[in-house]
């Protein structure tokens, strides 16, 4: 016959095993104020902390001891319910708030990687022409231009070239003079504009409308080479001034 279990050690009828009451937050043994405070600091949410304190069955004096471990002051007059709220707020709420601030600070400290905006096809055409031209405003074959823009759709390049030729007076396209020299790739790269296939193009600098005024103010002999070249592009340039500028350019070895 097995010895009888003392009444004090028998589990109450219908009660659950203490270890299964709260599987996520088992009671800390021994349940000292320091141990309880340490466990609360490791708890993720105030709800879990409240469940943990309930499992500990702490009285008001024990809660005051935990509050002292957490550095709380002026809480001796609080009710047990208010005291528990302050304990949870101090141990869990404040920590979570600090963690959020720290994450935000880390995000602000993270290096910002600037992403360059995608360049338009027209911008890329202009860059390619400037790269391929032997001199500013020099002629460039469309077959070479298309090779430079090999990753851009053929039809897209054609559309952009037509728009540029129509909208920008500084963009010029002309057919190849020696048609017999054209290869199959030249024909494929051509752009049909104005009733004919165009094979080469150039992009001039925008005309400087003030160049003529500066040349006249300084005198042809004292004007800059750039102003002289720009003045020649003025559609209203007098023929005499045109001849003087050309003579000055030859004198300077610019023509």
Protein backbone atom coordinates (compact mmCIF):
# COMPACT_ATOMS: atom_id res chain seq x y z
CA UNK A 1 0.00 0.00 0.00
CA UNK A 2 1.42 3.39 -1.08
CA UNK A 3 1.85 6.05 1.61
CA UNK A 4 -0.81 8.75 1.64
CA UNK A 5 0.16 12.12 0.18
CA UNK A 6 -0.15 14.94 2.71
CA UNK A 7 -3.05 17.26 1.99
CA UNK A 8 -0.70 20.26 1.67
CA UNK A 9 1.12 18.58 -1.27
CA UNK A 10 -2.01 17.46 -3.12
CA UNK A 11 -2.96 19.58 -6.18
CA UNK A 12 -6.39 21.21 -5.86
CA UNK A 13 -9.13 19.40 -7.74
CA UNK A 14 -9.49 20.70 -11.32
CA UNK A 15 -6.31 22.84 -11.14
CA UNK A 16 -3.69 22.70 -13.92
CA UNK A 17 -0.02 21.95 -13.53
CA UNK A 18 1.69 25.30 -12.66
CA UNK A 19 4.28 24.72 -15.38
CA UNK A 20 1.52 24.64 -18.03
CA UNK A 21 -0.34 27.76 -16.87
CA UNK A 22 1.86 29.99 -19.02
CA UNK A 23 4.21 28.06 -21.28
CA UNK A 24 5.77 31.18 -22.80
CA UNK A 25 6.62 32.80 -19.46
CA UNK A 26 7.32 30.15 -16.79
CA UNK A 27 7.78 31.43 -13.26
CA UNK A 28 11.28 32.36 -12.21
CA UNK A 29 12.59 30.40 -9.24
CA UNK A 30 13.38 31.69 -6.71
CA UNK A 31 10.85 34.46 -7.16
CA UNK A 32 12.96 37.28 -5.81
CA UNK A 33 12.43 40.94 -6.66
CA UNK A 34 15.69 41.05 -8.65
CA UNK A 35 14.79 37.90 -10.59
CA UNK A 36 11.29 39.18 -11.35
CA UNK A 37 12.65 42.56 -12.49
CA UNK A 38 15.24 40.86 -14.72
CA UNK A 39 12.61 38.62 -16.28
CA UNK A 40 10.28 41.57 -16.97
CA UNK A 41 13.08 43.38 -18.76
CA UNK A 42 13.36 40.41 -21.13
CA UNK A 43 9.61 40.23 -21.80
CA UNK A 44 8.43 41.39 -25.22
CA UNK A 45 5.01 42.86 -24.41
CA UNK A 46 3.20 44.29 -21.42
CA UNK A 47 0.50 41.63 -21.86
CA UNK A 48 3.07 38.87 -21.40
CA UNK A 49 4.52 40.76 -18.45
CA UNK A 50 1.11 41.02 -16.80
CA UNK A 51 0.59 37.28 -17.26
CA UNK A 52 3.99 36.63 -15.74
CA UNK A 53 3.26 38.77 -12.67
CA UNK A 54 -0.07 37.00 -12.26
CA UNK A 55 1.76 33.66 -12.22
CA UNK A 56 4.07 34.96 -9.48
CA UNK A 57 1.11 35.90 -7.22
CA UNK A 58 3.05 38.81 -5.76
CA UNK A 59 1.52 40.91 -3.02
CA UNK A 60 1.85 44.70 -2.88
CA UNK A 61 5.03 44.63 -0.82
CA UNK A 62 6.68 42.25 -3.27
CA UNK A 63 5.65 44.53 -6.15
CA UNK A 64 7.19 47.49 -4.31
CA UNK A 65 10.43 45.50 -4.06
CA UNK A 66 10.32 44.83 -7.82
CA UNK A 67 9.65 48.53 -8.44
CA UNK A 68 12.72 49.36 -6.40
CA UNK A 69 14.81 46.99 -8.52
CA UNK A 70 13.56 48.82 -11.61
CA UNK A 71 14.52 52.21 -10.18
CA UNK A 72 11.00 53.47 -9.61
CA UNK A 73 10.45 56.04 -6.86
CA UNK A 74 7.42 57.68 -5.25
CA UNK A 75 5.24 54.65 -5.85
CA UNK A 76 4.63 53.65 -2.21
CA UNK A 77 1.18 55.27 -2.19
CA UNK A 78 -0.05 53.63 -5.40
CA UNK A 79 -2.67 50.91 -5.36
CA UNK A 80 -1.55 47.43 -6.28
CA UNK A 81 -3.14 47.73 -9.72
CA UNK A 82 -1.51 51.12 -10.43
CA UNK A 83 1.78 49.85 -9.04
CA UNK A 84 1.74 46.87 -11.41
CA UNK A 85 1.05 49.19 -14.35
CA UNK A 86 4.03 51.36 -13.42
CA UNK A 87 6.26 48.30 -13.06
CA UNK A 88 5.28 46.99 -16.49
CA UNK A 89 5.65 50.41 -18.08
CA UNK A 90 9.10 50.87 -16.59
CA UNK A 91 10.39 47.40 -17.44
CA UNK A 92 8.78 46.85 -20.87
CA UNK A 93 7.12 49.97 -22.26
CA UNK A 94 10.13 52.25 -21.80
CA UNK A 95 12.46 49.66 -23.28
CA UNK A 96 10.29 49.18 -26.36
CA UNK A 97 10.10 52.94 -26.86
CA UNK A 98 13.87 53.22 -26.68
CA UNK A 99 14.23 50.33 -29.12
CA UNK A 100 11.97 52.14 -31.58
CA UNK A 101 13.96 55.33 -31.25
CA UNK A 102 17.19 53.42 -31.73
CA UNK A 103 15.88 51.72 -34.88
CA UNK A 104 14.75 55.07 -36.24
CA UNK A 105 18.16 56.58 -35.48
CA UNK A 106 19.88 53.68 -37.21
CA UNK A 107 17.67 54.16 -40.26
CA UNK A 108 18.58 57.84 -40.34
CA UNK A 109 22.26 56.97 -39.98
CA UNK A 110 22.09 54.43 -42.80
CA UNK A 111 23.82 55.75 -45.92
CA UNK A 112 21.44 57.03 -48.56
CA UNK A 113 22.29 55.61 -51.94
CA UNK A 114 21.40 58.17 -54.59
CA UNK A 115 19.82 56.64 -57.65
CA UNK A 116 20.44 58.63 -60.77
CA UNK A 117 17.29 59.23 -62.80
CA UNK A 118 17.12 57.28 -66.04
CA UNK A 119 18.34 59.38 -68.97
CA UNK A 120 15.95 59.88 -71.85
CA UNK A 121 16.70 58.45 -75.28
CA UNK A 122 17.18 61.98 -76.62
CA UNK A 123 19.77 62.74 -73.94
CA UNK A 124 21.60 59.56 -74.84
CA UNK A 125 21.49 60.44 -78.55
CA UNK A 126 23.02 63.83 -77.85
CA UNK A 127 25.73 62.28 -75.66
CA UNK A 128 26.51 59.70 -78.33
CA UNK A 129 26.74 62.32 -81.09
CA UNK A 130 29.08 64.45 -78.97
CA UNK A 131 31.23 61.38 -78.30
CA UNK A 132 31.42 60.22 -81.92
CA UNK A 133 31.90 63.61 -83.60
CA UNK A 134 35.52 64.47 -84.35
CA UNK A 135 34.82 68.10 -83.52
CA UNK A 136 32.00 70.12 -82.03
CA UNK A 137 29.11 70.08 -84.48
CA UNK A 138 30.83 67.42 -86.62
CA UNK A 139 28.98 64.89 -88.74
CA UNK A 140 28.20 61.43 -87.36
CA UNK A 141 27.00 58.38 -89.30
CA UNK A 142 23.66 57.01 -88.14
CA UNK A 143 25.03 53.48 -88.33
CA UNK A 144 27.73 54.41 -85.79
CA UNK A 145 25.16 56.20 -83.65
CA UNK A 146 22.89 53.15 -83.54
CA UNK A 147 25.83 50.95 -82.56
CA UNK A 148 26.56 53.32 -79.67
CA UNK A 149 22.93 52.96 -78.58
CA UNK A 150 22.81 49.22 -79.11
CA UNK A 151 20.65 48.61 -76.03
CA UNK A 152 17.92 51.00 -77.21
CA UNK A 153 15.12 49.72 -79.43
CA UNK A 154 15.73 50.50 -83.14
CA UNK A 155 12.27 52.01 -83.61
CA UNK A 156 12.66 54.17 -80.48
CA UNK A 157 15.92 55.67 -81.79
CA UNK A 158 14.25 56.35 -85.16
CA UNK A 159 11.31 58.10 -83.51
CA UNK A 160 13.57 60.28 -81.35
CA UNK A 161 15.80 61.25 -84.30
CA UNK A 162 12.76 62.32 -86.32
CA UNK A 163 11.44 64.38 -83.42
CA UNK A 164 14.81 66.04 -82.87
CA UNK A 165 15.16 66.87 -86.56
CA UNK A 166 11.68 68.39 -86.57
CA UNK A 167 11.83 70.31 -83.28
CA UNK A 168 15.46 71.43 -82.90
CA UNK A 169 16.86 73.78 -85.56
CA UNK A 170 20.38 72.83 -84.45
CA UNK A 171 19.88 69.18 -85.46
CA UNK A 172 20.64 68.44 -89.10
CA UNK A 173 20.37 65.17 -91.01
CA UNK A 174 21.40 64.65 -94.65
CA UNK A 175 21.75 61.71 -97.07
CA UNK A 176 25.15 60.23 -97.90
CA UNK A 177 26.46 61.85 -101.06
CA UNK A 178 28.10 58.70 -102.39
CA UNK A 179 25.19 56.29 -102.48
CA UNK A 180 27.37 53.58 -104.03
CA UNK A 181 29.44 53.48 -100.85
CA UNK A 182 26.44 52.64 -98.70
CA UNK A 183 26.39 49.18 -97.14
CA UNK A 184 23.42 47.14 -96.01
CA UNK A 185 23.90 48.33 -92.43
CA UNK A 186 23.89 51.96 -93.61
CA UNK A 187 20.54 51.44 -95.29
CA UNK A 188 19.19 49.73 -92.17
CA UNK A 189 20.35 52.58 -89.94
CA UNK A 190 18.93 55.35 -92.14
CA UNK A 191 16.02 57.53 -91.05
CA UNK A 192 13.45 58.47 -93.69
CA UNK A 193 12.83 62.22 -93.39
CA UNK A 194 11.57 64.69 -95.99
CA UNK A 195 11.02 62.04 -98.64
CA UNK A 196 14.56 60.67 -98.53
CA UNK A 197 16.74 58.42 -96.38
CA UNK A 198 19.14 60.32 -94.13
CA UNK A 199 22.44 58.68 -93.24
CA UNK A 200 24.48 61.27 -91.30
CA UNK A 201 23.63 63.92 -88.72
CA UNK A 202 25.16 66.74 -86.74
CA UNK A 203 24.11 68.80 -83.74
CA UNK A 204 25.28 72.40 -83.71
CA UNK A 205 25.63 74.48 -80.59
CA UNK A 206 22.58 76.68 -79.99
CA UNK A 207 23.13 80.04 -81.64
CA UNK A 208 24.28 82.80 -79.28
CA UNK A 209 22.03 85.72 -80.17
CA UNK A 210 24.28 88.18 -78.35
CA UNK A 211 27.49 87.24 -80.17
CA UNK A 212 27.02 89.77 -82.97
CA UNK A 213 26.49 92.59 -80.49
CA UNK A 214 29.68 91.65 -78.62
CA UNK A 215 31.69 91.48 -81.86
CA UNK A 216 30.45 94.91 -82.92
CA UNK A 217 31.15 96.37 -79.47
CA UNK A 218 34.69 94.96 -79.23
CA UNK A 219 35.58 95.18 -82.90
CA UNK A 220 36.27 92.22 -85.16
CA UNK A 221 39.99 92.29 -84.38
CA UNK A 222 39.43 92.16 -80.62
CA UNK A 223 36.47 89.76 -80.43
CA UNK A 224 36.90 86.24 -79.11
CA UNK A 225 37.16 83.33 -81.52
CA UNK A 226 33.96 81.88 -80.17
CA UNK A 227 32.04 85.13 -80.64
CA UNK A 228 33.35 85.39 -84.21
CA UNK A 229 32.15 81.88 -85.00
CA UNK A 230 28.78 82.53 -83.41
CA UNK A 231 28.34 85.84 -85.20
CA UNK A 232 28.76 84.09 -88.55
CA UNK A 233 25.65 82.06 -87.75
CA UNK A 234 23.53 85.18 -87.37
CA UNK A 235 21.04 85.13 -90.28
CA UNK A 236 21.01 88.93 -90.38
CA UNK A 237 24.79 89.42 -90.50
CA UNK A 238 25.78 92.12 -93.01
CA UNK A 239 27.89 90.79 -95.89
CA UNK A 240 30.69 93.25 -95.09
CA UNK A 241 30.84 92.07 -91.47
CA UNK A 242 30.79 88.47 -92.66
CA UNK A 243 33.82 89.11 -94.91
CA UNK A 244 35.69 90.91 -92.10
CA UNK A 245 35.10 88.03 -89.68
CA UNK A 246 36.22 85.43 -92.22
CA UNK A 247 39.38 87.44 -92.91
CA UNK A 248 40.09 87.72 -89.18
CA UNK A 249 39.59 83.99 -88.72
CA UNK A 250 42.07 83.29 -91.52
CA UNK A 251 44.55 85.72 -89.94
CA UNK A 252 44.27 83.80 -86.65
CA UNK A 253 44.50 80.43 -88.39
CA UNK A 254 40.94 79.55 -87.45
CA UNK A 255 39.65 79.06 -91.00
